[in-house]
PDB file of N, CA and C in Angstrom:
ATOM      1  N   MET A   1     125.530  69.935 112.974  1.00  0.00           N
ATOM      2  CA  MET A   1     125.929  68.752 113.683  1.00  0.00           C
ATOM      3  C   MET A   1     126.234  67.392 113.061  1.00  0.00           C
ATOM      4  N   VAL A   2     126.968  66.159 113.143  1.00  0.00           N
ATOM      5  CA  VAL A   2     127.520  65.592 112.264  1.00  0.00           C
ATOM      6  C   VAL A   2     126.757  64.771 113.314  1.00  0.00           C
ATOM      7  N   ASN A   3     126.052  63.593 112.375  1.00  0.00           N
ATOM      8  CA  ASN A   3     125.570  62.382 112.918  1.00  0.00           C
ATOM      9  C   ASN A   3     126.383  61.302 112.311  1.00  0.00           C
ATOM     10  N   ARG A   4     126.883  60.382 113.660  1.00  0.00           N
ATOM     11  CA  ARG A   4     127.339  59.338 113.425  1.00  0.00           C
ATOM     12  C   ARG A   4     127.413  57.947 113.501  1.00  0.00           C
ATOM     13  N   SER A   5     125.687  58.210 113.465  1.00  0.00           N
ATOM     14  CA  SER A   5     124.654  56.858 113.946  1.00  0.00           C
ATOM     15  C   SER A   5     124.957  55.823 112.442  1.00  0.00           C
ATOM     16  N   LEU A   6     124.876  54.825 112.728  1.00  0.00           N
ATOM     17  CA  LEU A   6     125.654  53.629 111.664  1.00  0.00           C
ATOM     18  C   LEU A   6     123.941  53.563 110.745  1.00  0.00           C
ATOM     19  N   VAL A   7     124.075  54.006 109.475  1.00  0.00           N
ATOM     20  CA  VAL A   7     123.040  53.091 108.413  1.00  0.00           C
ATOM     21  C   VAL A   7     122.953  52.410 108.241  1.00  0.00           C
ATOM     22  N   SER A   8     122.899  51.250 107.704  1.00  0.00           N
ATOM     23  CA  SER A   8     123.423  49.903 106.943  1.00  0.00           C
ATOM     24  C   SER A   8     122.282  49.997 106.261  1.00  0.00           C
ATOM     25  N   VAL A   9     122.756  49.650 104.509  1.00  0.00           N
ATOM     26  CA  VAL A   9     122.203  49.249 103.260  1.00  0.00           C
ATOM     27  C   VAL A   9     121.904  48.071 102.948  1.00  0.00           C
ATOM     28  N   VAL A  10     120.753  47.418 102.536  1.00  0.00           N
ATOM     29  CA  VAL A  10     120.816  45.904 102.224  1.00  0.00           C
ATOM     30  C   VAL A  10     120.379  45.978 100.929  1.00  0.00           C
ATOM     31  N   ASP A  11     120.714  45.948  99.724  1.00  0.00           N
ATOM     32  CA  ASP A  11     119.751  45.929  98.538  1.00  0.00           C
ATOM     33  C   ASP A  11     120.792  45.115  97.256  1.00  0.00           C
ATOM     34  N   ASP A  12     120.245  44.177  96.880  1.00  0.00           N
ATOM     35  CA  ASP A  12     120.963  43.955  95.819  1.00  0.00           C
ATOM     36  C   ASP A  12     120.988  44.401  94.691  1.00  0.00           C
ATOM     37  N   ASP A  13     120.982  45.481  94.318  1.00  0.00           N
ATOM     38  CA  ASP A  13     120.917  46.585  92.972  1.00  0.00           C
ATOM     39  C   ASP A  13     122.459  47.321  93.569  1.00  0.00           C
ATOM     40  N   GLU A  14     123.588  46.843  92.652  1.00  0.00           N
ATOM     41  CA  GLU A  14     124.806  47.385  93.010  1.00  0.00           C
ATOM     42  C   GLU A  14     124.669  48.905  92.930  1.00  0.00           C
ATOM     43  N   SER A  15     124.405  49.595  92.216  1.00  0.00           N
ATOM     44  CA  SER A  15     124.075  51.030  91.782  1.00  0.00           C
ATOM     45  C   SER A  15     123.341  51.614  93.253  1.00  0.00           C
ATOM     46  N   VAL A  16     122.432  51.015  93.697  1.00  0.00           N
ATOM     47  CA  VAL A  16     122.018  51.568  94.946  1.00  0.00           C
ATOM     48  C   VAL A  16     122.821  51.214  96.001  1.00  0.00           C
ATOM     49  N   ARG A  17     123.766  50.261  96.412  1.00  0.00           N
ATOM     50  CA  ARG A  17     124.563  50.166  97.309  1.00  0.00           C
ATOM     51  C   ARG A  17     125.879  51.280  97.166  1.00  0.00           C
ATOM     52  N   GLU A  18     125.907  51.285  96.055  1.00  0.00           N
ATOM     53  CA  GLU A  18     127.257  52.609  95.540  1.00  0.00           C
ATOM     54  C   GLU A  18     126.293  53.901  95.859  1.00  0.00           C
ATOM     55  N   SER A  19     125.247  54.556  95.249  1.00  0.00           N
ATOM     56  CA  SER A  19     124.934  55.621  95.273  1.00  0.00           C
ATOM     57  C   SER A  19     124.317  56.352  96.697  1.00  0.00           C
ATOM     58  N   LEU A  20     123.591  55.190  97.521  1.00  0.00           N
ATOM     59  CA  LEU A  20     123.274  55.426  98.652  1.00  0.00           C
ATOM     60  C   LEU A  20     124.074  55.808 100.037  1.00  0.00           C
ATOM     61  N   PRO A  21     125.286  54.508 100.320  1.00  0.00           N
ATOM     62  CA  PRO A  21     126.126  55.450 100.765  1.00  0.00           C
ATOM     63  C   PRO A  21     126.410  56.532 100.824  1.00  0.00           C
ATOM     64  N   ASP A  22     127.333  56.911  99.289  1.00  0.00           N
ATOM     65  CA  ASP A  22     127.546  58.040  99.374  1.00  0.00           C
ATOM     66  C   ASP A  22     126.996  59.447  99.848  1.00  0.00           C
ATOM     67  N   LEU A  23     125.547  59.221  99.400  1.00  0.00           N
ATOM     68  CA  LEU A  23     124.399  60.632 100.081  1.00  0.00           C
ATOM     69  C   LEU A  23     124.387  60.456 101.197  1.00  0.00           C
ATOM     70  N   LEU A  24     124.225  59.337 102.194  1.00  0.00           N
ATOM     71  CA  LEU A  24     124.097  58.872 103.556  1.00  0.00           C
ATOM     72  C   LEU A  24     125.869  59.586 104.410  1.00  0.00           C
ATOM     73  N   GLN A  25     126.700  59.168 103.550  1.00  0.00           N
ATOM     74  CA  GLN A  25     127.792  59.975 103.974  1.00  0.00           C
ATOM     75  C   GLN A  25     127.994  61.755 103.932  1.00  0.00           C
ATOM     76  N   GLN A  26     127.269  62.323 102.893  1.00  0.00           N
ATOM     77  CA  GLN A  26     127.254  63.250 102.504  1.00  0.00           C
ATOM     78  C   GLN A  26     126.307  64.106 103.891  1.00  0.00           C
ATOM     79  N   PHE A  27     125.576  63.386 104.663  1.00  0.00           N
ATOM     80  CA  PHE A  27     124.699  64.002 105.476  1.00  0.00           C
ATOM     81  C   PHE A  27     125.181  63.539 106.826  1.00  0.00           C
ATOM     82  N   GLY A  28     126.311  63.166 106.621  1.00  0.00           N
ATOM     83  CA  GLY A  28     127.421  63.105 108.226  1.00  0.00           C
ATOM     84  C   GLY A  28     127.049  61.304 108.614  1.00  0.00           C
ATOM     85  N   PHE A  29     126.309  60.710 108.127  1.00  0.00           N
ATOM     86  CA  PHE A  29     126.133  58.836 108.719  1.00  0.00           C
ATOM     87  C   PHE A  29     127.558  58.269 108.229  1.00  0.00           C
ATOM     88  N   ILE A  30     127.563  57.300 109.119  1.00  0.00           N
ATOM     89  CA  ILE A  30     128.318  56.053 108.788  1.00  0.00           C
ATOM     90  C   ILE A  30     127.477  55.503 108.559  1.00  0.00           C
ATOM     91  N   CYS A  31     127.924  54.589 106.830  1.00  0.00           N
ATOM     92  CA  CYS A  31     127.016  53.869 106.502  1.00  0.00           C
ATOM     93  C   CYS A  31     127.772  52.538 105.986  1.00  0.00           C
ATOM     94  N   ARG A  32     127.438  51.160 106.189  1.00  0.00           N
ATOM     95  CA  ARG A  32     127.445  50.240 105.295  1.00  0.00           C
ATOM     96  C   ARG A  32     126.703  49.278 104.673  1.00  0.00           C
ATOM     97  N   ALA A  33     126.961  48.836 103.231  1.00  0.00           N
ATOM     98  CA  ALA A  33     126.249  48.140 102.354  1.00  0.00           C
ATOM     99  C   ALA A  33     126.360  46.755 102.069  1.00  0.00           C
ATOM    100  N   PHE A  34     125.472  46.148 101.871  1.00  0.00           N
ATOM    101  CA  PHE A  34     125.270  44.737 101.649  1.00  0.00           C
ATOM    102  C   PHE A  34     124.958  44.307 100.888  1.00  0.00           C
ATOM    103  N   SER A  35     125.050  43.352 100.079  1.00  0.00           N
ATOM    104  CA  SER A  35     124.012  42.422  98.488  1.00  0.00           C
ATOM    105  C   SER A  35     123.189  42.245  99.131  1.00  0.00           C
ATOM    106  N   SER A  36     123.036  41.313 100.088  1.00  0.00           N
ATOM    107  CA  SER A  36     122.006  40.518 100.755  1.00  0.00           C
ATOM    108  C   SER A  36     121.801  40.363 102.039  1.00  0.00           C
ATOM    109  N   GLY A  37     120.394  40.415 102.528  1.00  0.00           N
ATOM    110  CA  GLY A  37     120.256  39.687 103.950  1.00  0.00           C
ATOM    111  C   GLY A  37     121.153  38.872 105.113  1.00  0.00           C
ATOM    112  N   GLU A  38     121.173  37.577 103.993  1.00  0.00           N
ATOM    113  CA  GLU A  38     122.490  36.644 104.597  1.00  0.00           C
ATOM    114  C   GLU A  38     123.902  37.506 104.642  1.00  0.00           C
ATOM    115  N   ALA A  39     124.339  38.322 103.979  1.00  0.00           N
ATOM    116  CA  ALA A  39     125.591  38.936 104.303  1.00  0.00           C
ATOM    117  C   ALA A  39     125.410  40.132 105.718  1.00  0.00           C
ATOM    118  N   PHE A  40     124.344  40.793 105.696  1.00  0.00           N
ATOM    119  CA  PHE A  40     124.341  41.760 106.917  1.00  0.00           C
ATOM    120  C   PHE A  40     124.074  41.088 107.947  1.00  0.00           C
ATOM    121  N   LEU A  41     123.386  39.522 108.223  1.00  0.00           N
ATOM    122  CA  LEU A  41     123.135  39.121 109.008  1.00  0.00           C
ATOM    123  C   LEU A  41     124.947  38.207 109.899  1.00  0.00           C
ATOM    124  N   ALA A  42     125.744  38.163 108.461  1.00  0.00           N
ATOM    125  CA  ALA A  42     126.677  37.232 109.066  1.00  0.00           C
ATOM    126  C   ALA A  42     127.731  38.466 109.245  1.00  0.00           C
ATOM    127  N   SER A  43     127.355  39.919 109.339  1.00  0.00           N
ATOM    128  CA  SER A  43     128.609  40.552 109.606  1.00  0.00           C
ATOM    129  C   SER A  43     128.495  41.257 111.105  1.00  0.00           C
ATOM    130  N   GLU A  44     129.466  41.879 111.196  1.00  0.00           N
ATOM    131  CA  GLU A  44     129.687  42.267 112.626  1.00  0.00           C
ATOM    132  C   GLU A  44     129.051  43.813 112.787  1.00  0.00           C
ATOM    133  N   VAL A  45     128.120  44.198 112.160  1.00  0.00           N
ATOM    134  CA  VAL A  45     127.893  45.514 111.983  1.00  0.00           C
ATOM    135  C   VAL A  45     126.179  45.248 112.537  1.00  0.00           C
ATOM    136  N   VAL A  46     125.734  43.938 112.398  1.00  0.00           N
ATOM    137  CA  VAL A  46     124.305  44.269 113.036  1.00  0.00           C
ATOM    138  C   VAL A  46     123.682  44.518 114.164  1.00  0.00           C
ATOM    139  N   SER A  47     124.430  44.139 115.356  1.00  0.00           N
ATOM    140  CA  SER A  47     124.122  45.053 116.837  1.00  0.00           C
ATOM    141  C   SER A  47     124.289  46.862 117.013  1.00  0.00           C
ATOM    142  N   GLN A  48     125.338  46.912 115.991  1.00  0.00           N
ATOM    143  CA  GLN A  48     125.958  48.469 116.136  1.00  0.00           C
ATOM    144  C   GLN A  48     124.906  49.425 115.204  1.00  0.00           C
ATOM    145  N   THR A  49     124.027  48.630 114.047  1.00  0.00           N
ATOM    146  CA  THR A  49     122.930  49.594 113.192  1.00  0.00           C
ATOM    147  C   THR A  49     122.226  50.332 113.643  1.00  0.00           C
ATOM    148  N   ASN A  50     121.956  51.385 113.526  1.00  0.00           N
ATOM    149  CA  ASN A  50     121.219  52.403 114.261  1.00  0.00           C
ATOM    150  C   ASN A  50     119.924  52.403 113.418  1.00  0.00           C
ATOM    151  N   CYS A  51     120.144  52.345 111.947  1.00  0.00           N
ATOM    152  CA  CYS A  51     118.963  52.380 111.068  1.00  0.00           C
ATOM    153  C   CYS A  51     119.426  51.199 109.936  1.00  0.00           C
ATOM    154  N   LEU A  52     117.898  50.679 109.018  1.00  0.00           N
ATOM    155  CA  LEU A  52     118.689  49.637 108.229  1.00  0.00           C
ATOM    156  C   LEU A  52     117.490  50.107 106.818  1.00  0.00           C
ATOM    157  N   ILE A  53     118.285  50.496 105.938  1.00  0.00           N
ATOM    158  CA  ILE A  53     117.284  50.584 104.774  1.00  0.00           C
ATOM    159  C   ILE A  53     117.344  49.365 103.858  1.00  0.00           C
ATOM    160  N   LEU A  54     116.706  49.053 103.469  1.00  0.00           N
ATOM    161  CA  LEU A  54     116.367  47.518 103.242  1.00  0.00           C
ATOM    162  C   LEU A  54     115.449  47.534 101.878  1.00  0.00           C
ATOM    163  N   ASP A  55     116.015  46.726 100.813  1.00  0.00           N
ATOM    164  CA  ASP A  55     115.331  46.114  99.833  1.00  0.00           C
ATOM    165  C   ASP A  55     114.135  45.561  99.610  1.00  0.00           C
ATOM    166  N   VAL A  56     113.071  45.681  99.141  1.00  0.00           N
ATOM    167  CA  VAL A  56     111.503  44.606  99.808  1.00  0.00           C
ATOM    168  C   VAL A  56     112.145  43.139  98.830  1.00  0.00           C
ATOM    169  N   ALA A  57     112.196  43.183  97.622  1.00  0.00           N
ATOM    170  CA  ALA A  57     112.504  42.196  96.461  1.00  0.00           C
ATOM    171  C   ALA A  57     113.985  42.030  96.573  1.00  0.00           C
ATOM    172  N   MET A  58     114.375  40.880  96.849  1.00  0.00           N
ATOM    173  CA  MET A  58     115.867  40.586  96.620  1.00  0.00           C
ATOM    174  C   MET A  58     115.850  38.627  96.135  1.00  0.00           C
ATOM    175  N   PRO A  59     117.153  38.619  95.674  1.00  0.00           N
ATOM    176  CA  PRO A  59     117.026  36.713  95.677  1.00  0.00           C
ATOM    177  C   PRO A  59     117.461  36.660  96.893  1.00  0.00           C
ATOM    178  N   GLY A  60     116.814  35.003  97.153  1.00  0.00           N
ATOM    179  CA  GLY A  60     117.505  34.887  98.451  1.00  0.00           C
ATOM    180  C   GLY A  60     116.319  35.392  99.476  1.00  0.00           C
ATOM    181  N   MET A  61     117.183  35.967 100.380  1.00  0.00           N
ATOM    182  CA  MET A  61     116.226  36.523 101.894  1.00  0.00           C
ATOM    183  C   MET A  61     115.880  37.711 101.358  1.00  0.00           C
ATOM    184  N   SER A  62     114.379  37.945 101.262  1.00  0.00           N
ATOM    185  CA  SER A  62     113.893  39.157 100.981  1.00  0.00           C
ATOM    186  C   SER A  62     113.908  40.166 102.305  1.00  0.00           C
ATOM    187  N   GLY A  63     113.322  41.291 101.813  1.00  0.00           N
ATOM    188  CA  GLY A  63     113.531  42.302 102.901  1.00  0.00           C
ATOM    189  C   GLY A  63     112.650  42.078 103.992  1.00  0.00           C
ATOM    190  N   PRO A  64     111.314  41.570 103.816  1.00  0.00           N
ATOM    191  CA  PRO A  64     110.546  41.333 104.494  1.00  0.00           C
ATOM    192  C   PRO A  64     110.553  39.937 105.840  1.00  0.00           C
ATOM    193  N   ASP A  65     111.792  39.250 104.545  1.00  0.00           N
ATOM    194  CA  ASP A  65     112.076  37.505 105.499  1.00  0.00           C
ATOM    195  C   ASP A  65     113.423  38.139 106.257  1.00  0.00           C
ATOM    196  N   LEU A  66     114.292  39.094 106.402  1.00  0.00           N
ATOM    197  CA  LEU A  66     115.495  39.803 107.126  1.00  0.00           C
ATOM    198  C   LEU A  66     114.514  40.466 108.358  1.00  0.00           C
ATOM    199  N   GLN A  67     113.547  41.482 107.791  1.00  0.00           N
ATOM    200  CA  GLN A  67     113.123  41.580 109.198  1.00  0.00           C
ATOM    201  C   GLN A  67     112.729  40.565 109.965  1.00  0.00           C
ATOM    202  N   ARG A  68     111.636  39.736 109.586  1.00  0.00           N
ATOM    203  CA  ARG A  68     111.198  38.834 110.605  1.00  0.00           C
ATOM    204  C   ARG A  68     112.499  38.101 111.330  1.00  0.00           C
ATOM    205  N   GLU A  69     114.014  37.736 110.651  1.00  0.00           N
ATOM    206  CA  GLU A  69     114.647  37.495 111.173  1.00  0.00           C
ATOM    207  C   GLU A  69     115.313  37.905 112.179  1.00  0.00           C
ATOM    208  N   LEU A  70     115.275  39.217 112.215  1.00  0.00           N
ATOM    209  CA  LEU A  70     115.830  40.393 112.815  1.00  0.00           C
ATOM    210  C   LEU A  70     115.348  40.012 114.216  1.00  0.00           C
ATOM    211  N   ARG A  71     113.879  40.177 114.258  1.00  0.00           N
ATOM    212  CA  ARG A  71     112.990  40.307 115.197  1.00  0.00           C
ATOM    213  C   ARG A  71     113.055  38.553 115.865  1.00  0.00           C
ATOM    214  N   SER A  72     113.580  37.763 115.314  1.00  0.00           N
ATOM    215  CA  SER A  72     113.507  36.863 116.073  1.00  0.00           C
ATOM    216  C   SER A  72     114.906  36.205 116.705  1.00  0.00           C
ATOM    217  N   ARG A  73     115.969  37.077 115.991  1.00  0.00           N
ATOM    218  CA  ARG A  73     117.175  37.076 116.752  1.00  0.00           C
ATOM    219  C   ARG A  73     116.838  38.308 118.113  1.00  0.00           C
ATOM    220  N   ARG A  74     116.054  38.865 118.356  1.00  0.00           N
ATOM    221  CA  ARG A  74     115.890  40.205 118.980  1.00  0.00           C
ATOM    222  C   ARG A  74     116.573  41.179 118.942  1.00  0.00           C
ATOM    223  N   HIS A  75     116.783  41.735 117.797  1.00  0.00           N
ATOM    224  CA  HIS A  75     117.938  43.023 117.028  1.00  0.00           C
ATOM    225  C   HIS A  75     116.483  44.046 116.860  1.00  0.00           C
ATOM    226  N   ARG A  76     116.458  45.074 117.536  1.00  0.00           N
ATOM    227  CA  ARG A  76     115.057  45.889 117.475  1.00  0.00           C
ATOM    228  C   ARG A  76     115.945  47.273 116.265  1.00  0.00           C
ATOM    229  N   ILE A  77     115.873  47.042 115.119  1.00  0.00           N
ATOM    230  CA  ILE A  77     116.618  48.027 114.233  1.00  0.00           C
ATOM    231  C   ILE A  77     115.386  48.991 113.258  1.00  0.00           C
ATOM    232  N   PRO A  78     115.393  50.060 113.309  1.00  0.00           N
ATOM    233  CA  PRO A  78     114.009  50.067 112.851  1.00  0.00           C
ATOM    234  C   PRO A  78     114.752  50.451 111.414  1.00  0.00           C
ATOM    235  N   ILE A  79     113.598  50.017 110.717  1.00  0.00           N
ATOM    236  CA  ILE A  79     113.678  49.609 109.369  1.00  0.00           C
ATOM    237  C   ILE A  79     113.028  50.632 108.059  1.00  0.00           C
ATOM    238  N   VAL A  80     113.988  51.109 107.212  1.00  0.00           N
ATOM    239  CA  VAL A  80     112.859  52.148 105.986  1.00  0.00           C
ATOM    240  C   VAL A  80     113.311  50.937 105.019  1.00  0.00           C
ATOM    241  N   PHE A  81     111.798  50.799 104.587  1.00  0.00           N
ATOM    242  CA  PHE A  81     111.883  49.465 103.372  1.00  0.00           C
ATOM    243  C   PHE A  81     112.009  50.396 102.290  1.00  0.00           C
ATOM    244  N   ILE A  82     112.898  50.107 100.902  1.00  0.00           N
ATOM    245  CA  ILE A  82     112.844  50.565  99.560  1.00  0.00           C
ATOM    246  C   ILE A  82     112.490  50.016  98.487  1.00  0.00           C
ATOM    247  N   THR A  83     111.565  50.383  97.623  1.00  0.00           N
ATOM    248  CA  THR A  83     111.218  48.991  96.545  1.00  0.00           C
ATOM    249  C   THR A  83     110.766  49.803  95.541  1.00  0.00           C
ATOM    250  N   ALA A  84     111.034  49.252  94.249  1.00  0.00           N
ATOM    251  CA  ALA A  84     110.665  49.456  93.039  1.00  0.00           C
ATOM    252  C   ALA A  84     109.533  49.405  92.759  1.00  0.00           C
ATOM    253  N   GLN A  85     108.882  48.399  93.215  1.00  0.00           N
ATOM    254  CA  GLN A  85     107.647  47.998  93.312  1.00  0.00           C
ATOM    255  C   GLN A  85     106.224  49.341  93.463  1.00  0.00           C
ATOM    256  N   SER A  86     106.017  49.988  93.000  1.00  0.00           N
ATOM    257  CA  SER A  86     105.179  51.503  93.648  1.00  0.00           C
ATOM    258  C   SER A  86     103.548  50.785  93.553  1.00  0.00           C
ATOM    259  N   ASP A  87     103.356  49.970  95.135  1.00  0.00           N
ATOM    260  CA  ASP A  87     102.211  49.200  95.072  1.00  0.00           C
ATOM    261  C   ASP A  87     101.795  49.784  96.437  1.00  0.00           C
ATOM    262  N   ASP A  88     100.873  50.735  96.897  1.00  0.00           N
ATOM    263  CA  ASP A  88     100.674  51.261  97.926  1.00  0.00           C
ATOM    264  C   ASP A  88      99.985  49.973  98.988  1.00  0.00           C
ATOM    265  N   GLY A  89      99.822  49.135  98.514  1.00  0.00           N
ATOM    266  CA  GLY A  89      99.543  48.075  99.154  1.00  0.00           C
ATOM    267  C   GLY A  89     100.753  47.208  99.727  1.00  0.00           C
ATOM    268  N   ILE A  90     101.613  46.559  99.335  1.00  0.00           N
ATOM    269  CA  ILE A  90     102.609  46.760  99.619  1.00  0.00           C
ATOM    270  C   ILE A  90     103.522  47.511 100.701  1.00  0.00           C
ATOM    271  N   ARG A  91     103.071  48.721 101.013  1.00  0.00           N
ATOM    272  CA  ARG A  91     103.889  49.672 101.609  1.00  0.00           C
ATOM    273  C   ARG A  91     102.923  49.680 102.964  1.00  0.00           C
ATOM    274  N   GLN A  92     101.829  49.249 102.563  1.00  0.00           N
ATOM    275  CA  GLN A  92     100.855  49.198 103.913  1.00  0.00           C
ATOM    276  C   GLN A  92     101.298  48.388 104.731  1.00  0.00           C
ATOM    277  N   ARG A  93     101.109  46.980 103.728  1.00  0.00           N
ATOM    278  CA  ARG A  93     101.538  45.963 104.743  1.00  0.00           C
ATOM    279  C   ARG A  93     102.779  46.309 105.452  1.00  0.00           C
ATOM    280  N   LEU A  94     104.303  46.593 105.027  1.00  0.00           N
ATOM    281  CA  LEU A  94     105.482  46.735 105.706  1.00  0.00           C
ATOM    282  C   LEU A  94     105.110  48.150 106.608  1.00  0.00           C
ATOM    283  N   LEU A  95     104.417  49.120 106.430  1.00  0.00           N
ATOM    284  CA  LEU A  95     104.238  49.310 107.439  1.00  0.00           C
ATOM    285  C   LEU A  95     103.357  49.304 109.200  1.00  0.00           C
ATOM    286  N   ALA A  96     102.727  48.495 108.580  1.00  0.00           N
ATOM    287  CA  ALA A  96     101.782  47.860 109.614  1.00  0.00           C
ATOM    288  C   ALA A  96     102.932  46.304 110.516  1.00  0.00           C
ATOM    289  N   GLY A  97     103.699  45.800 109.307  1.00  0.00           N
ATOM    290  CA  GLY A  97     104.455  44.904 109.874  1.00  0.00           C
ATOM    291  C   GLY A  97     105.744  45.782 110.968  1.00  0.00           C
ATOM    292  N   GLY A  98     105.451  47.054 111.191  1.00  0.00           N
ATOM    293  CA  GLY A  98     106.640  47.448 112.318  1.00  0.00           C
ATOM    294  C   GLY A  98     107.886  48.517 111.590  1.00  0.00           C
ATOM    295  N   ALA A  99     107.627  48.661 109.855  1.00  0.00           N
ATOM    296  CA  ALA A  99     109.026  49.625 109.260  1.00  0.00           C
ATOM    297  C   ALA A  99     108.360  50.976 109.673  1.00  0.00           C
ATOM    298  N   VAL A 100     109.253  51.900 109.820  1.00  0.00           N
ATOM    299  CA  VAL A 100     109.046  53.244 109.952  1.00  0.00           C
ATOM    300  C   VAL A 100     108.697  53.720 108.525  1.00  0.00           C
ATOM    301  N   GLU A 101     108.944  53.348 107.387  1.00  0.00           N
ATOM    302  CA  GLU A 101     108.728  54.046 106.381  1.00  0.00           C
ATOM    303  C   GLU A 101     108.962  52.787 104.926  1.00  0.00           C
ATOM    304  N   CYS A 102     108.359  53.204 103.861  1.00  0.00           N
ATOM    305  CA  CYS A 102     108.500  52.256 102.538  1.00  0.00           C
ATOM    306  C   CYS A 102     108.894  53.357 101.469  1.00  0.00           C
ATOM    307  N   LEU A 103     109.736  53.461 101.060  1.00  0.00           N
ATOM    308  CA  LEU A 103     109.724  54.482 100.020  1.00  0.00           C
ATOM    309  C   LEU A 103     109.895  53.993  98.420  1.00  0.00           C
ATOM    310  N   PHE A 104     109.627  54.299  97.504  1.00  0.00           N
ATOM    311  CA  PHE A 104     109.344  53.926  95.996  1.00  0.00           C
ATOM    312  C   PHE A 104     110.482  54.470  95.171  1.00  0.00           C
ATOM    313  N   LYS A 105     111.202  53.738  94.634  1.00  0.00           N
ATOM    314  CA  LYS A 105     112.323  53.887  93.867  1.00  0.00           C
ATOM    315  C   LYS A 105     111.281  54.706  92.568  1.00  0.00           C
ATOM    316  N   PRO A 106     112.299  55.951  91.931  1.00  0.00           N
ATOM    317  CA  PRO A 106     113.383  56.442  92.602  1.00  0.00           C
ATOM    318  C   PRO A 106     112.625  57.563  93.660  1.00  0.00           C
ATOM    319  N   PHE A 107     113.312  57.945  95.070  1.00  0.00           N
ATOM    320  CA  PHE A 107     112.727  58.591  95.708  1.00  0.00           C
ATOM    321  C   PHE A 107     113.937  59.789  95.946  1.00  0.00           C
ATOM    322  N   GLY A 108     113.509  61.406  96.593  1.00  0.00           N
ATOM    323  CA  GLY A 108     114.135  62.163  96.595  1.00  0.00           C
ATOM    324  C   GLY A 108     114.920  62.075  97.801  1.00  0.00           C
ATOM    325  N   GLU A 109     116.337  63.052  97.755  1.00  0.00           N
ATOM    326  CA  GLU A 109     116.949  63.010  99.160  1.00  0.00           C
ATOM    327  C   GLU A 109     116.196  63.574 100.306  1.00  0.00           C
ATOM    328  N   ALA A 110     115.274  64.471 100.146  1.00  0.00           N
ATOM    329  CA  ALA A 110     114.557  65.092 100.973  1.00  0.00           C
ATOM    330  C   ALA A 110     113.985  63.864 102.214  1.00  0.00           C
ATOM    331  N   ALA A 111     113.091  63.140 101.140  1.00  0.00           N
ATOM    332  CA  ALA A 111     112.325  62.069 101.634  1.00  0.00           C
ATOM    333  C   ALA A 111     113.132  60.894 102.617  1.00  0.00           C
ATOM    334  N   LEU A 112     114.124  60.766 101.655  1.00  0.00           N
ATOM    335  CA  LEU A 112     114.952  59.234 102.629  1.00  0.00           C
ATOM    336  C   LEU A 112     116.078  59.976 104.287  1.00  0.00           C
ATOM    337  N   LEU A 113     115.980  61.497 104.086  1.00  0.00           N
ATOM    338  CA  LEU A 113     116.691  61.786 105.266  1.00  0.00           C
ATOM    339  C   LEU A 113     115.746  62.044 106.181  1.00  0.00           C
ATOM    340  N   ASP A 114     114.629  62.436 105.746  1.00  0.00           N
ATOM    341  CA  ASP A 114     113.299  62.250 106.507  1.00  0.00           C
ATOM    342  C   ASP A 114     112.728  61.139 107.089  1.00  0.00           C
ATOM    343  N   ALA A 115     113.144  60.159 106.614  1.00  0.00           N
ATOM    344  CA  ALA A 115     112.481  58.622 106.827  1.00  0.00           C
ATOM    345  C   ALA A 115     113.939  58.023 107.936  1.00  0.00           C
ATOM    346  N   VAL A 116     115.187  58.344 107.396  1.00  0.00           N
ATOM    347  CA  VAL A 116     116.234  57.544 108.343  1.00  0.00           C
ATOM    348  C   VAL A 116     116.137  58.684 109.842  1.00  0.00           C
ATOM    349  N   ASN A 117     116.154  59.628 109.450  1.00  0.00           N
ATOM    350  CA  ASN A 117     116.061  60.785 110.795  1.00  0.00           C
ATOM    351  C   ASN A 117     114.605  60.155 111.359  1.00  0.00           C
ATOM    352  N   ALA A 118     113.615  59.765 110.967  1.00  0.00           N
ATOM    353  CA  ALA A 118     112.559  58.917 111.834  1.00  0.00           C
ATOM    354  C   ALA A 118     113.267  57.831 112.643  1.00  0.00           C
ATOM    355  N   ALA A 119     113.456  56.870 111.951  1.00  0.00           N
ATOM    356  CA  ALA A 119     114.004  55.842 112.330  1.00  0.00           C
ATOM    357  C   ALA A 119     114.701  55.706 113.341  1.00  0.00           C
ATOM    358  N   LEU A 120     116.051  56.815 113.468  1.00  0.00           N
ATOM    359  CA  LEU A 120     116.877  57.312 114.716  1.00  0.00           C
ATOM    360  C   LEU A 120     116.089  57.907 115.902  1.00  0.00           C
ATOM    361  N   ARG A 121     115.348  58.809 115.671  1.00  0.00           N
ATOM    362  CA  ARG A 121     114.028  59.347 116.414  1.00  0.00           C
ATOM    363  C   ARG A 121     113.697  57.388 117.435  1.00  0.00           C
ATOM    364  N   MET A 122     112.987  57.138 116.474  1.00  0.00           N
ATOM    365  CA  MET A 122     112.910  55.531 117.134  1.00  0.00           C
ATOM    366  C   MET A 122     113.572  54.773 117.828  1.00  0.00           C
ATOM    367  N   ARG A 123     115.204  54.958 117.251  1.00  0.00           N
ATOM    368  CA  ARG A 123     115.736  54.060 117.881  1.00  0.00           C
ATOM    369  C   ARG A 123     116.212  54.640 119.055  1.00  0.00           C
ATOM    370  N   GLU A 124     116.240  56.274 119.198  1.00  0.00           N
ATOM    371  CA  GLU A 124     116.996  56.986 120.445  1.00  0.00           C
ATOM    372  C   GLU A 124     115.442  56.380 122.137  1.00  0.00           C
ATOM    373  N   GLY A 125     114.351  56.409 121.213  1.00  0.00           N
ATOM    374  CA  GLY A 125     112.871  56.238 122.315  1.00  0.00           C
ATOM    375  C   GLY A 125     113.047  54.954 123.000  1.00  0.00           C
ATOM    376  N   PRO A 126     111.774  55.049 124.007  1.00  0.00           N
ATOM    377  CA  PRO A 126     112.026  53.983 124.793  1.00  0.00           C
ATOM    378  C   PRO A 126     111.882  52.582 124.148  1.00  0.00           C
ATOM    379  N   GLN A 127     112.205  51.400 124.545  1.00  0.00           N
ATOM    380  CA  GLN A 127     112.490  50.728 123.982  1.00  0.00           C
ATOM    381  C   GLN A 127     111.719  49.310 124.575  1.00  0.00           C
TER     382      GLN A 127
END
């Protein structure tokens, strides 16, 4: 079955913005990629996004900053954080702050798919 859910990727790393959408599209998702939190917020897809894959550390607005801004605007988008900082303390804080998952780069396809599917189940559940 093809899943046509929209997954948005926000990461300042161009290689991530190119590779993740390709992978997610292979799994049947519609995907949009953005180089910054500001670019995502300015887009027309914020209200259509079913899952947000979000880098933690970016210039300007960080991933947690974008999460807080989305919450203040009442957008309930399940977030899967990704980070190159393999610090379990960061992971625990992000999960405690409402993230569905926090994956450490490099992560495997199965871990990413599991996290996205968990986010989509959360999105479909009671809000």
